[in-house]
Amino acid sequence: MQGTPFSGKTSLARHLAETFKYHLIDFEKVTPIIKERLGGEEAPEELPFEAYCKYFAEEIHKLEEGEMIIFDGWNQSIADLKKLFHIVGNPKCLVKIPLTLDLPQYEQGPAHQNVQKKEGNG
């Protein structure tokens, strides 16, 4: 899942994982694990993408046949996602759910304007 901060990615990912019994991979939880593997405090500030790929490959290979995965907070490009698939194999199904906080603007129709007029005249 991708999206702006506080757009509901993690809440939706957890709900989907719980409801449909998917395996949830949360980037916020993965980064410290990878950092520890690369030396903890000595690890580079920005972790190499290959380290994430290695971790995901290990996690994916632990799964049972047919088990589904949700990546919560995928912060890499689509090109990087393709690199990951090259390493771990192509998924049978991929759904990208981009979440944003951009909500359509509320349009005030004639009914709303009539209510305002009545309240103003009364």
Protein backbone atom coordinates (compact mmCIF):
# COMPACT_ATOMS: atom_id res chain seq x y z
CA MET A 1 0.00 0.00 0.00
CA GLN A 2 1.21 3.45 -0.83
CA GLY A 3 -0.13 6.80 0.25
CA THR A 4 0.37 10.02 2.08
CA PRO A 5 1.10 10.00 5.82
CA PHE A 6 -1.99 9.41 7.98
CA SER A 7 -4.14 8.39 4.99
CA GLY A 8 -5.13 5.10 6.60
CA LYS A 9 -2.65 2.70 4.94
CA THR A 10 -1.79 0.79 8.08
CA SER A 11 -5.36 0.65 9.37
CA LEU A 12 -6.59 -0.71 6.03
CA ALA A 13 -3.66 -3.14 5.72
CA ARG A 14 -4.27 -4.52 9.21
CA HIS A 15 -8.00 -4.82 8.57
CA LEU A 16 -7.45 -6.68 5.27
CA ALA A 17 -4.82 -8.95 6.79
CA GLU A 18 -7.04 -9.78 9.75
CA THR A 19 -10.21 -10.23 7.73
CA PHE A 20 -8.74 -12.32 4.92
CA LYS A 21 -5.89 -13.97 6.88
CA TYR A 22 -3.16 -12.34 4.76
CA HIS A 23 0.46 -12.12 5.88
CA LEU A 24 1.21 -8.46 6.69
CA ILE A 25 4.65 -7.00 6.05
CA ASP A 26 4.89 -3.58 7.69
CA PHE A 27 7.77 -1.39 6.50
CA GLU A 28 7.98 0.43 9.82
CA LYS A 29 8.66 -2.88 11.57
CA VAL A 30 10.92 -4.28 8.84
CA THR A 31 13.43 -1.41 8.73
CA PRO A 32 14.75 -1.89 12.31
CA ILE A 33 15.08 -5.65 11.71
CA ILE A 34 17.13 -5.08 8.56
CA LYS A 35 19.17 -2.36 10.25
CA GLU A 36 20.04 -4.79 13.07
CA ARG A 37 21.09 -7.44 10.55
CA LEU A 38 23.39 -4.93 8.88
CA GLY A 39 25.19 -4.03 12.10
CA GLY A 40 22.75 -2.04 14.20
CA GLU A 41 24.29 1.33 15.00
CA GLU A 42 27.00 0.67 12.41
CA ALA A 43 24.46 0.14 9.61
CA PRO A 44 24.17 2.86 6.98
CA GLU A 45 21.54 5.55 7.61
CA GLU A 46 19.80 4.74 4.32
CA LEU A 47 19.46 1.00 3.94
CA PRO A 48 20.18 -0.49 0.52
CA PHE A 49 17.18 -1.72 -1.43
CA GLU A 50 18.89 -5.09 -1.86
CA ALA A 51 18.73 -5.61 1.92
CA TYR A 52 14.94 -5.19 1.78
CA CYS A 53 14.76 -7.60 -1.18
CA LYS A 54 16.73 -10.21 0.74
CA TYR A 55 14.46 -9.86 3.77
CA PHE A 56 11.29 -10.06 1.67
CA ALA A 57 12.60 -13.09 -0.21
CA GLU A 58 13.20 -14.87 3.11
CA GLU A 59 9.73 -13.95 4.39
CA ILE A 60 7.99 -14.95 1.17
CA HIS A 61 9.73 -18.31 1.04
CA LYS A 62 8.47 -19.06 4.57
CA LEU A 63 4.86 -18.73 3.44
CA GLU A 64 2.64 -21.66 2.62
CA GLU A 65 1.46 -22.20 -0.96
CA GLY A 66 -1.28 -19.72 -1.83
CA GLU A 67 -0.81 -17.48 1.21
CA MET A 68 -1.34 -13.80 0.35
CA ILE A 69 0.85 -10.88 1.39
CA ILE A 70 0.13 -7.22 2.02
CA PHE A 71 3.05 -4.79 1.90
CA ASP A 72 2.07 -1.89 4.14
CA GLY A 73 3.84 1.34 3.31
CA TRP A 74 5.75 0.30 0.17
CA ASN A 75 7.93 3.36 -0.19
CA GLN A 76 9.86 2.30 -3.25
CA SER A 77 9.16 2.86 -6.93
CA ILE A 78 7.33 0.51 -9.26
CA ALA A 79 10.70 -0.19 -10.89
CA ASP A 80 11.99 -1.37 -7.49
CA LEU A 81 8.89 -3.52 -7.07
CA LYS A 82 9.71 -5.18 -10.40
CA LYS A 83 13.28 -5.79 -9.14
CA LEU A 84 11.83 -7.45 -6.06
CA PHE A 85 9.62 -9.67 -8.22
CA HIS A 86 12.65 -10.62 -10.29
CA ILE A 87 14.31 -11.88 -7.09
CA VAL A 88 11.33 -13.55 -5.38
CA GLY A 89 9.19 -14.45 -8.39
CA ASN A 90 6.18 -12.78 -9.91
CA PRO A 91 2.99 -12.70 -7.88
CA LYS A 92 -0.13 -14.40 -9.17
CA CYS A 93 -2.05 -11.24 -8.40
CA LEU A 94 -0.98 -7.70 -7.61
CA VAL A 95 -3.29 -4.99 -6.38
CA LYS A 96 -1.91 -1.53 -5.79
CA ILE A 97 -4.04 0.56 -3.46
CA PRO A 98 -2.85 4.17 -3.46
CA LEU A 99 -4.31 6.11 -0.55
CA THR A 100 -4.36 9.88 -0.29
CA LEU A 101 -6.11 12.46 1.80
CA ASP A 102 -7.26 14.32 -1.30
CA LEU A 103 -11.02 14.27 -0.87
CA PRO A 104 -13.40 15.68 -3.47
CA GLN A 105 -14.63 19.13 -2.58
CA TYR A 106 -18.18 19.29 -1.32
CA GLU A 107 -20.36 21.00 -3.89
CA GLN A 108 -23.28 22.93 -2.52
CA GLY A 109 -26.33 22.22 -4.60
CA PRO A 110 -29.61 24.19 -4.87
CA ALA A 111 -31.18 22.29 -1.93
CA HIS A 112 -28.40 23.43 0.39
CA GLN A 113 -28.67 27.02 -0.84
CA ASN A 114 -32.44 26.98 -0.30
CA VAL A 115 -31.96 25.88 3.30
CA GLN A 116 -29.55 28.76 3.86
CA LYS A 117 -32.02 31.26 2.32
CA LYS A 118 -34.89 30.06 4.52
CA GLU A 119 -32.75 30.26 7.63
CA GLY A 120 -31.60 33.77 6.66
CA ASN A 121 -35.14 35.03 5.95
CA GLY A 122 -36.78 33.52 9.03
